């Protein structure tokens, strides 16, 4: 973690909010959500992922993002509560 990032978040590893940074660059352009394809055995299909990322890059997008605001978040909360001692959901 960079010194700059650590100074802004107390060492938690989170990027500071853009509103708190005078030098922040505003988001602009298209930022598609990358979908993760899985094989039938629940492993990541890296071939499909590569194909998707190559196609996205060919479209001239400004960047990409991941879909952590989908139902997977609910699953991860439940999984963390089951696997991590003392983990509390809110």
PDB file of N, CA and C in Angstrom:
ATOM      1  N   UNK A   1       0.852  -1.170   0.000  1.00  0.00           N
ATOM      2  CA  UNK A   1       0.000   0.000   0.000  1.00  0.00           C
ATOM      3  C   UNK A   1       0.897   1.231   0.000  1.00  0.00           C
ATOM      4  N   UNK A   2       0.506   2.221  -0.797  1.00  0.00           N
ATOM      5  CA  UNK A   2       1.325   3.421  -0.874  1.00  0.00           C
ATOM      6  C   UNK A   2       1.213   4.233   0.406  1.00  0.00           C
ATOM      7  N   UNK A   3       2.251   5.030   0.668  1.00  0.00           N
ATOM      8  CA  UNK A   3       2.241   5.901   1.838  1.00  0.00           C
ATOM      9  C   UNK A   3       1.047   6.847   1.778  1.00  0.00           C
ATOM     10  N   UNK A   4       0.753   7.374   0.556  1.00  0.00           N
ATOM     11  CA  UNK A   4      -0.351   8.306   0.373  1.00  0.00           C
ATOM     12  C   UNK A   4      -1.674   7.661   0.766  1.00  0.00           C
ATOM     13  N   UNK A   5      -1.898   6.424   0.332  1.00  0.00           N
ATOM     14  CA  UNK A   5      -3.136   5.724   0.643  1.00  0.00           C
ATOM     15  C   UNK A   5      -3.229   5.443   2.136  1.00  0.00           C
ATOM     16  N   UNK A   6      -2.152   4.996   2.736  1.00  0.00           N
ATOM     17  CA  UNK A   6      -2.150   4.694   4.168  1.00  0.00           C
ATOM     18  C   UNK A   6      -2.455   5.938   4.987  1.00  0.00           C
ATOM     19  N   UNK A   7      -1.956   7.073   4.557  1.00  0.00           N
ATOM     20  CA  UNK A   7      -2.184   8.317   5.280  1.00  0.00           C
ATOM     21  C   UNK A   7      -3.644   8.735   5.257  1.00  0.00           C
ATOM     22  N   UNK A   8      -4.380   8.357   4.211  1.00  0.00           N
ATOM     23  CA  UNK A   8      -5.771   8.773   4.074  1.00  0.00           C
ATOM     24  C   UNK A   8      -6.761   7.822   4.726  1.00  0.00           C
ATOM     25  N   UNK A   9      -6.379   6.579   4.940  1.00  0.00           N
ATOM     26  CA  UNK A   9      -7.376   5.620   5.437  1.00  0.00           C
ATOM     27  C   UNK A   9      -6.980   4.960   6.746  1.00  0.00           C
ATOM     28  N   UNK A  10      -5.993   5.470   7.406  1.00  0.00           N
ATOM     29  CA  UNK A  10      -5.583   4.898   8.685  1.00  0.00           C
ATOM     30  C   UNK A  10      -4.986   3.513   8.536  1.00  0.00           C
ATOM     31  N   UNK A  11      -4.503   3.162   7.341  1.00  0.00           N
ATOM     32  CA  UNK A  11      -3.871   1.875   7.122  1.00  0.00           C
ATOM     33  C   UNK A  11      -4.838   0.754   6.801  1.00  0.00           C
ATOM     34  N   UNK A  12      -6.114   1.063   6.584  1.00  0.00           N
ATOM     35  CA  UNK A  12      -7.112   0.017   6.340  1.00  0.00           C
ATOM     36  C   UNK A  12      -7.059  -0.529   4.925  1.00  0.00           C
ATOM     37  N   UNK A  13      -6.374   0.128   3.995  1.00  0.00           N
ATOM     38  CA  UNK A  13      -6.254  -0.375   2.630  1.00  0.00           C
ATOM     39  C   UNK A  13      -7.361   0.065   1.701  1.00  0.00           C
ATOM     40  N   UNK A  14      -8.153   1.040   2.105  1.00  0.00           N
ATOM     41  CA  UNK A  14      -9.240   1.521   1.265  1.00  0.00           C
ATOM     42  C   UNK A  14      -8.830   2.818   0.588  1.00  0.00           C
ATOM     43  N   UNK A  15      -9.229   2.972  -0.661  1.00  0.00           N
ATOM     44  CA  UNK A  15      -8.948   4.218  -1.367  1.00  0.00           C
ATOM     45  C   UNK A  15      -9.774   5.339  -0.755  1.00  0.00           C
ATOM     46  N   UNK A  16      -9.206   6.520  -0.638  1.00  0.00           N
ATOM     47  CA  UNK A  16      -9.966   7.637  -0.082  1.00  0.00           C
ATOM     48  C   UNK A  16     -11.069   8.063  -1.044  1.00  0.00           C
ATOM     49  N   UNK A  17     -12.130   8.621  -0.507  1.00  0.00           N
ATOM     50  CA  UNK A  17     -13.222   9.104  -1.346  1.00  0.00           C
ATOM     51  C   UNK A  17     -12.720  10.259  -2.198  1.00  0.00           C
ATOM     52  N   UNK A  18     -13.170  10.321  -3.445  1.00  0.00           N
ATOM     53  CA  UNK A  18     -12.729  11.364  -4.373  1.00  0.00           C
ATOM     54  C   UNK A  18     -13.016  12.751  -3.823  1.00  0.00           C
ATOM     55  N   UNK A  19     -14.105  12.905  -3.066  1.00  0.00           N
ATOM     56  CA  UNK A  19     -14.471  14.210  -2.534  1.00  0.00           C
ATOM     57  C   UNK A  19     -13.446  14.733  -1.541  1.00  0.00           C
ATOM     58  N   UNK A  20     -12.621  13.854  -0.985  1.00  0.00           N
ATOM     59  CA  UNK A  20     -11.634  14.279  -0.002  1.00  0.00           C
ATOM     60  C   UNK A  20     -10.278  14.558  -0.632  1.00  0.00           C
ATOM     61  N   UNK A  21     -10.149  14.327  -1.942  1.00  0.00           N
ATOM     62  CA  UNK A  21      -8.858  14.490  -2.610  1.00  0.00           C
ATOM     63  C   UNK A  21      -8.926  15.585  -3.657  1.00  0.00           C
ATOM     64  N   UNK A  22      -8.172  16.621  -3.479  1.00  0.00           N
ATOM     65  CA  UNK A  22      -8.174  17.733  -4.417  1.00  0.00           C
ATOM     66  C   UNK A  22      -7.620  17.322  -5.773  1.00  0.00           C
ATOM     67  N   UNK A  23      -6.765  16.306  -5.802  1.00  0.00           N
ATOM     68  CA  UNK A  23      -6.140  15.892  -7.055  1.00  0.00           C
ATOM     69  C   UNK A  23      -6.875  14.734  -7.736  1.00  0.00           C
ATOM     70  N   UNK A  24      -8.062  14.387  -7.270  1.00  0.00           N
ATOM     71  CA  UNK A  24      -8.804  13.256  -7.833  1.00  0.00           C
ATOM     72  C   UNK A  24      -9.271  13.572  -9.247  1.00  0.00           C
ATOM     73  N   UNK A  25      -9.169  12.572 -10.124  1.00  0.00           N
ATOM     74  CA  UNK A  25      -9.656  12.701 -11.490  1.00  0.00           C
ATOM     75  C   UNK A  25     -11.096  12.216 -11.534  1.00  0.00           C
ATOM     76  N   UNK A  26     -12.008  13.008 -12.071  1.00  0.00           N
ATOM     77  CA  UNK A  26     -13.403  12.569 -12.142  1.00  0.00           C
ATOM     78  C   UNK A  26     -13.547  11.361 -13.063  1.00  0.00           C
ATOM     79  N   UNK A  27     -14.476  10.480 -12.738  1.00  0.00           N
ATOM     80  CA  UNK A  27     -14.771   9.352 -13.612  1.00  0.00           C
ATOM     81  C   UNK A  27     -15.440   9.869 -14.875  1.00  0.00           C
ATOM     82  N   UNK A  28     -15.071   9.285 -16.000  1.00  0.00           N
ATOM     83  CA  UNK A  28     -15.682   9.676 -17.271  1.00  0.00           C
ATOM     84  C   UNK A  28     -15.570   8.508 -18.240  1.00  0.00           C
ATOM     85  N   UNK A  29     -16.476   8.466 -19.181  1.00  0.00           N
ATOM     86  CA  UNK A  29     -16.435   7.419 -20.189  1.00  0.00           C
ATOM     87  C   UNK A  29     -17.205   6.184 -19.760  1.00  0.00           C
ATOM     88  N   UNK A  30     -17.068   5.143 -20.564  1.00  0.00           N
ATOM     89  CA  UNK A  30     -17.766   3.890 -20.317  1.00  0.00           C
ATOM     90  C   UNK A  30     -16.908   2.971 -19.456  1.00  0.00           C
ATOM     91  N   UNK A  31     -17.486   2.440 -18.377  1.00  0.00           N
ATOM     92  CA  UNK A  31     -16.818   1.505 -17.477  1.00  0.00           C
ATOM     93  C   UNK A  31     -17.693   0.254 -17.355  1.00  0.00           C
ATOM     94  N   UNK A  32     -17.559  -0.695 -18.288  1.00  0.00           N
ATOM     95  CA  UNK A  32     -18.412  -1.884 -18.229  1.00  0.00           C
ATOM     96  C   UNK A  32     -18.068  -2.789 -17.052  1.00  0.00           C
ATOM     97  N   UNK A  33     -19.063  -3.539 -16.616  1.00  0.00           N
ATOM     98  CA  UNK A  33     -18.878  -4.508 -15.541  1.00  0.00           C
ATOM     99  C   UNK A  33     -18.383  -5.814 -16.156  1.00  0.00           C
ATOM    100  N   UNK A  34     -17.264  -6.317 -15.664  1.00  0.00           N
ATOM    101  CA  UNK A  34     -16.705  -7.579 -16.144  1.00  0.00           C
ATOM    102  C   UNK A  34     -17.472  -8.730 -15.495  1.00  0.00           C
ATOM    103  N   UNK A  35     -17.906  -9.667 -16.306  1.00  0.00           N
ATOM    104  CA  UNK A  35     -18.611 -10.844 -15.813  1.00  0.00           C
ATOM    105  C   UNK A  35     -17.603 -11.990 -15.687  1.00  0.00           C
ATOM    106  N   UNK A  36     -17.677 -12.746 -14.625  1.00  0.00           N
ATOM    107  CA  UNK A  36     -16.781 -13.884 -14.444  1.00  0.00           C
ATOM    108  C   UNK A  36     -17.498 -15.153 -14.861  1.00  0.00           C
ATOM    109  N   UNK A  37     -16.972 -15.813 -15.879  1.00  0.00           N
ATOM    110  CA  UNK A  37     -17.548 -17.078 -16.340  1.00  0.00           C
ATOM    111  C   UNK A  37     -16.945 -18.227 -15.541  1.00  0.00           C
ATOM    112  N   UNK A  38     -17.764 -19.228 -15.278  1.00  0.00           N
ATOM    113  CA  UNK A  38     -17.303 -20.387 -14.521  1.00  0.00           C
ATOM    114  C   UNK A  38     -17.482 -21.659 -15.327  1.00  0.00           C
ATOM    115  N   UNK A  39     -16.595 -22.599 -15.093  1.00  0.00           N
ATOM    116  CA  UNK A  39     -16.711 -23.935 -15.672  1.00  0.00           C
ATOM    117  C   UNK A  39     -17.733 -24.724 -14.854  1.00  0.00           C
ATOM    118  N   UNK A  40     -18.110 -25.899 -15.354  1.00  0.00           N
ATOM    119  CA  UNK A  40     -19.098 -26.722 -14.654  1.00  0.00           C
ATOM    120  C   UNK A  40     -18.606 -27.192 -13.288  1.00  0.00           C
ATOM    121  N   UNK A  41     -17.272 -27.179 -13.069  1.00  0.00           N
ATOM    122  CA  UNK A  41     -16.746 -27.591 -11.762  1.00  0.00           C
ATOM    123  C   UNK A  41     -16.533 -26.398 -10.823  1.00  0.00           C
ATOM    124  N   UNK A  42     -17.122 -25.248 -11.154  1.00  0.00           N
ATOM    125  CA  UNK A  42     -17.094 -24.019 -10.358  1.00  0.00           C
ATOM    126  C   UNK A  42     -15.740 -23.313 -10.347  1.00  0.00           C
ATOM    127  N   UNK A  43     -14.819 -23.688 -11.238  1.00  0.00           N
ATOM    128  CA  UNK A  43     -13.567 -22.958 -11.379  1.00  0.00           C
ATOM    129  C   UNK A  43     -13.765 -21.848 -12.407  1.00  0.00           C
ATOM    130  N   UNK A  44     -12.942 -20.821 -12.324  1.00  0.00           N
ATOM    131  CA  UNK A  44     -13.049 -19.703 -13.260  1.00  0.00           C
ATOM    132  C   UNK A  44     -12.661 -20.171 -14.658  1.00  0.00           C
ATOM    133  N   UNK A  45     -13.460 -19.798 -15.631  1.00  0.00           N
ATOM    134  CA  UNK A  45     -13.170 -20.099 -17.039  1.00  0.00           C
ATOM    135  C   UNK A  45     -12.291 -18.972 -17.565  1.00  0.00           C
ATOM    136  N   UNK A  46     -10.974 -19.136 -17.415  1.00  0.00           N
ATOM    137  CA  UNK A  46     -10.046 -18.074 -17.790  1.00  0.00           C
ATOM    138  C   UNK A  46     -10.033 -17.803 -19.285  1.00  0.00           C
ATOM    139  N   UNK A  47     -10.320 -18.805 -20.102  1.00  0.00           N
ATOM    140  CA  UNK A  47     -10.408 -18.591 -21.548  1.00  0.00           C
ATOM    141  C   UNK A  47     -11.543 -17.639 -21.887  1.00  0.00           C
ATOM    142  N   UNK A  48     -12.710 -17.865 -21.285  1.00  0.00           N
ATOM    143  CA  UNK A  48     -13.858 -16.985 -21.515  1.00  0.00           C
ATOM    144  C   UNK A  48     -13.589 -15.594 -20.956  1.00  0.00           C
ATOM    145  N   UNK A  49     -12.936 -15.529 -19.804  1.00  0.00           N
ATOM    146  CA  UNK A  49     -12.619 -14.235 -19.206  1.00  0.00           C
ATOM    147  C   UNK A  49     -11.676 -13.447 -20.103  1.00  0.00           C
ATOM    148  N   UNK A  50     -10.659 -14.118 -20.634  1.00  0.00           N
ATOM    149  CA  UNK A  50      -9.724 -13.456 -21.557  1.00  0.00           C
ATOM    150  C   UNK A  50     -10.453 -12.939 -22.793  1.00  0.00           C
ATOM    151  N   UNK A  51     -11.327 -13.764 -23.352  1.00  0.00           N
ATOM    152  CA  UNK A  51     -12.091 -13.366 -24.543  1.00  0.00           C
ATOM    153  C   UNK A  51     -12.935 -12.128 -24.242  1.00  0.00           C
ATOM    154  N   UNK A  52     -13.602 -12.132 -23.085  1.00  0.00           N
ATOM    155  CA  UNK A  52     -14.427 -10.984 -22.705  1.00  0.00           C
ATOM    156  C   UNK A  52     -13.583  -9.721 -22.548  1.00  0.00           C
ATOM    157  N   UNK A  53     -12.456  -9.836 -21.849  1.00  0.00           N
ATOM    158  CA  UNK A  53     -11.605  -8.666 -21.619  1.00  0.00           C
ATOM    159  C   UNK A  53     -11.005  -8.137 -22.915  1.00  0.00           C
ATOM    160  N   UNK A  54     -10.616  -9.023 -23.810  1.00  0.00           N
ATOM    161  CA  UNK A  54     -10.091  -8.586 -25.106  1.00  0.00           C
ATOM    162  C   UNK A  54     -11.158  -7.840 -25.893  1.00  0.00           C
ATOM    163  N   UNK A  55     -12.393  -8.377 -25.891  1.00  0.00           N
ATOM    164  CA  UNK A  55     -13.483  -7.717 -26.606  1.00  0.00           C
ATOM    165  C   UNK A  55     -13.767  -6.346 -26.004  1.00  0.00           C
ATOM    166  N   UNK A  56     -13.802  -6.278 -24.668  1.00  0.00           N
ATOM    167  CA  UNK A  56     -14.049  -4.998 -24.001  1.00  0.00           C
ATOM    168  C   UNK A  56     -12.971  -3.987 -24.393  1.00  0.00           C
ATOM    169  N   UNK A  57     -11.713  -4.404 -24.381  1.00  0.00           N
ATOM    170  CA  UNK A  57     -10.609  -3.497 -24.729  1.00  0.00           C
ATOM    171  C   UNK A  57     -10.739  -2.993 -26.162  1.00  0.00           C
ATOM    172  N   UNK A  58     -11.184  -3.851 -27.057  1.00  0.00           N
ATOM    173  CA  UNK A  58     -11.361  -3.463 -28.463  1.00  0.00           C
ATOM    174  C   UNK A  58     -12.439  -2.393 -28.643  1.00  0.00           C
ATOM    175  N   UNK A  59     -13.337  -2.270 -27.687  1.00  0.00           N
ATOM    176  CA  UNK A  59     -14.423  -1.300 -27.791  1.00  0.00           C
ATOM    177  C   UNK A  59     -13.979   0.116 -27.430  1.00  0.00           C
ATOM    178  N   UNK A  60     -12.780   0.261 -26.890  1.00  0.00           N
ATOM    179  CA  UNK A  60     -12.258   1.578 -26.547  1.00  0.00           C
ATOM    180  C   UNK A  60     -12.845   2.169 -25.267  1.00  0.00           C
ATOM    181  N   UNK A  61     -13.162   1.326 -24.308  1.00  0.00           N
ATOM    182  CA  UNK A  61     -13.732   1.811 -23.055  1.00  0.00           C
ATOM    183  C   UNK A  61     -12.686   2.548 -22.220  1.00  0.00           C
ATOM    184  N   UNK A  62     -13.166   3.301 -21.242  1.00  0.00           N
ATOM    185  CA  UNK A  62     -12.273   4.063 -20.370  1.00  0.00           C
ATOM    186  C   UNK A  62     -11.641   3.200 -19.291  1.00  0.00           C
ATOM    187  N   UNK A  63     -12.236   2.057 -18.999  1.00  0.00           N
ATOM    188  CA  UNK A  63     -11.759   1.164 -17.956  1.00  0.00           C
ATOM    189  C   UNK A  63     -12.798   0.087 -17.729  1.00  0.00           C
ATOM    190  N   UNK A  64     -12.627  -0.694 -16.693  1.00  0.00           N
ATOM    191  CA  UNK A  64     -13.604  -1.726 -16.346  1.00  0.00           C
ATOM    192  C   UNK A  64     -13.857  -1.685 -14.841  1.00  0.00           C
ATOM    193  N   UNK A  65     -14.908  -2.341 -14.442  1.00  0.00           N
ATOM    194  CA  UNK A  65     -15.231  -2.466 -13.027  1.00  0.00           C
ATOM    195  C   UNK A  65     -15.749  -3.880 -12.785  1.00  0.00           C
ATOM    196  N   UNK A  66     -15.851  -4.255 -11.535  1.00  0.00           N
ATOM    197  CA  UNK A  66     -16.392  -5.566 -11.205  1.00  0.00           C
ATOM    198  C   UNK A  66     -17.733  -5.385 -10.515  1.00  0.00           C
ATOM    199  N   UNK A  67     -18.588  -6.376 -10.618  1.00  0.00           N
ATOM    200  CA  UNK A  67     -19.953  -6.268 -10.118  1.00  0.00           C
ATOM    201  C   UNK A  67     -20.123  -6.695  -8.679  1.00  0.00           C
ATOM    202  N   UNK A  68     -19.532  -6.013  -7.753  1.00  0.00           N
ATOM    203  CA  UNK A  68     -19.676  -6.390  -6.346  1.00  0.00           C
ATOM    204  C   UNK A  68     -20.954  -5.845  -5.721  1.00  0.00           C
ATOM    205  N   UNK A  69     -21.839  -5.317  -6.520  1.00  0.00           N
ATOM    206  CA  UNK A  69     -23.122  -4.855  -6.006  1.00  0.00           C
ATOM    207  C   UNK A  69     -24.232  -5.798  -6.448  1.00  0.00           C
ATOM    208  N   UNK A  70     -23.858  -7.005  -6.802  1.00  0.00           N
ATOM    209  CA  UNK A  70     -24.809  -8.003  -7.244  1.00  0.00           C
ATOM    210  C   UNK A  70     -25.122  -8.951  -6.090  1.00  0.00           C
ATOM    211  N   UNK A  71     -25.858  -9.992  -6.371  1.00  0.00           N
ATOM    212  CA  UNK A  71     -26.229 -10.966  -5.342  1.00  0.00           C
ATOM    213  C   UNK A  71     -25.036 -11.674  -4.724  1.00  0.00           C
ATOM    214  N   UNK A  72     -23.889 -11.640  -5.380  1.00  0.00           N
ATOM    215  CA  UNK A  72     -22.716 -12.319  -4.824  1.00  0.00           C
ATOM    216  C   UNK A  72     -22.361 -11.728  -3.464  1.00  0.00           C
ATOM    217  N   UNK A  73     -22.641 -10.434  -3.276  1.00  0.00           N
ATOM    218  CA  UNK A  73     -22.358  -9.801  -1.996  1.00  0.00           C
ATOM    219  C   UNK A  73     -23.114 -10.461  -0.856  1.00  0.00           C
ATOM    220  N   UNK A  74     -24.355 -10.838  -1.104  1.00  0.00           N
ATOM    221  CA  UNK A  74     -25.138 -11.525  -0.079  1.00  0.00           C
ATOM    222  C   UNK A  74     -24.529 -12.877   0.243  1.00  0.00           C
ATOM    223  N   UNK A  75     -24.078 -13.580  -0.785  1.00  0.00           N
ATOM    224  CA  UNK A  75     -23.452 -14.884  -0.601  1.00  0.00           C
ATOM    225  C   UNK A  75     -22.156 -14.749   0.190  1.00  0.00           C
ATOM    226  N   UNK A  76     -21.358 -13.735  -0.131  1.00  0.00           N
ATOM    227  CA  UNK A  76     -20.079 -13.564   0.555  1.00  0.00           C
ATOM    228  C   UNK A  76     -20.274 -13.229   2.026  1.00  0.00           C
ATOM    229  N   UNK A  77     -21.278 -12.438   2.347  1.00  0.00           N
ATOM    230  CA  UNK A  77     -21.566 -12.140   3.753  1.00  0.00           C
ATOM    231  C   UNK A  77     -21.870 -13.429   4.515  1.00  0.00           C
ATOM    232  N   UNK A  78     -22.711 -14.268   3.948  1.00  0.00           N
ATOM    233  CA  UNK A  78     -23.079 -15.527   4.601  1.00  0.00           C
ATOM    234  C   UNK A  78     -21.862 -16.435   4.728  1.00  0.00           C
ATOM    235  N   UNK A  79     -21.063 -16.530   3.667  1.00  0.00           N
ATOM    236  CA  UNK A  79     -19.876 -17.379   3.684  1.00  0.00           C
ATOM    237  C   UNK A  79     -18.877 -16.888   4.728  1.00  0.00           C
ATOM    238  N   UNK A  80     -18.652 -15.580   4.785  1.00  0.00           N
ATOM    239  CA  UNK A  80     -17.721 -15.030   5.767  1.00  0.00           C
ATOM    240  C   UNK A  80     -18.198 -15.315   7.192  1.00  0.00           C
ATOM    241  N   UNK A  81     -19.503 -15.185   7.424  1.00  0.00           N
ATOM    242  CA  UNK A  81     -20.047 -15.455   8.752  1.00  0.00           C
ATOM    243  C   UNK A  81     -19.837 -16.916   9.148  1.00  0.00           C
ATOM    244  N   UNK A  82     -19.877 -17.814   8.177  1.00  0.00           N
ATOM    245  CA  UNK A  82     -19.689 -19.236   8.451  1.00  0.00           C
ATOM    246  C   UNK A  82     -18.224 -19.607   8.656  1.00  0.00           C
ATOM    247  N   UNK A  83     -17.330 -18.924   7.956  1.00  0.00           N
ATOM    248  CA  UNK A  83     -15.917 -19.330   7.930  1.00  0.00           C
ATOM    249  C   UNK A  83     -14.990 -18.527   8.842  1.00  0.00           C
ATOM    250  N   UNK A  84     -15.365 -17.298   9.154  1.00  0.00           N
ATOM    251  CA  UNK A  84     -14.461 -16.422   9.912  1.00  0.00           C
ATOM    252  C   UNK A  84     -14.963 -16.315  11.353  1.00  0.00           C
ATOM    253  N   UNK A  85     -14.210 -16.850  12.303  1.00  0.00           N
ATOM    254  CA  UNK A  85     -14.625 -16.747  13.710  1.00  0.00           C
ATOM    255  C   UNK A  85     -14.780 -15.277  14.126  1.00  0.00           C
ATOM    256  N   UNK A  86     -15.880 -14.957  14.743  1.00  0.00           N
ATOM    257  CA  UNK A  86     -16.121 -13.606  15.219  1.00  0.00           C
ATOM    258  C   UNK A  86     -16.610 -12.640  14.171  1.00  0.00           C
ATOM    259  N   UNK A  87     -16.787 -13.076  12.909  1.00  0.00           N
ATOM    260  CA  UNK A  87     -17.267 -12.175  11.856  1.00  0.00           C
ATOM    261  C   UNK A  87     -18.717 -11.830  12.139  1.00  0.00           C
ATOM    262  N   UNK A  88     -19.026 -10.548  12.095  1.00  0.00           N
ATOM    263  CA  UNK A  88     -20.398 -10.098  12.357  1.00  0.00           C
ATOM    264  C   UNK A  88     -20.967  -9.434  11.106  1.00  0.00           C
ATOM    265  N   UNK A  89     -22.147  -9.835  10.713  1.00  0.00           N
ATOM    266  CA  UNK A  89     -22.827  -9.171   9.600  1.00  0.00           C
ATOM    267  C   UNK A  89     -23.700  -8.054  10.175  1.00  0.00           C
ATOM    268  N   UNK A  90     -23.900  -7.028   9.392  1.00  0.00           N
ATOM    269  CA  UNK A  90     -24.697  -5.879   9.846  1.00  0.00           C
ATOM    270  C   UNK A  90     -25.870  -5.672   8.942  1.00  0.00           C
TER     271      UNK A  90
END
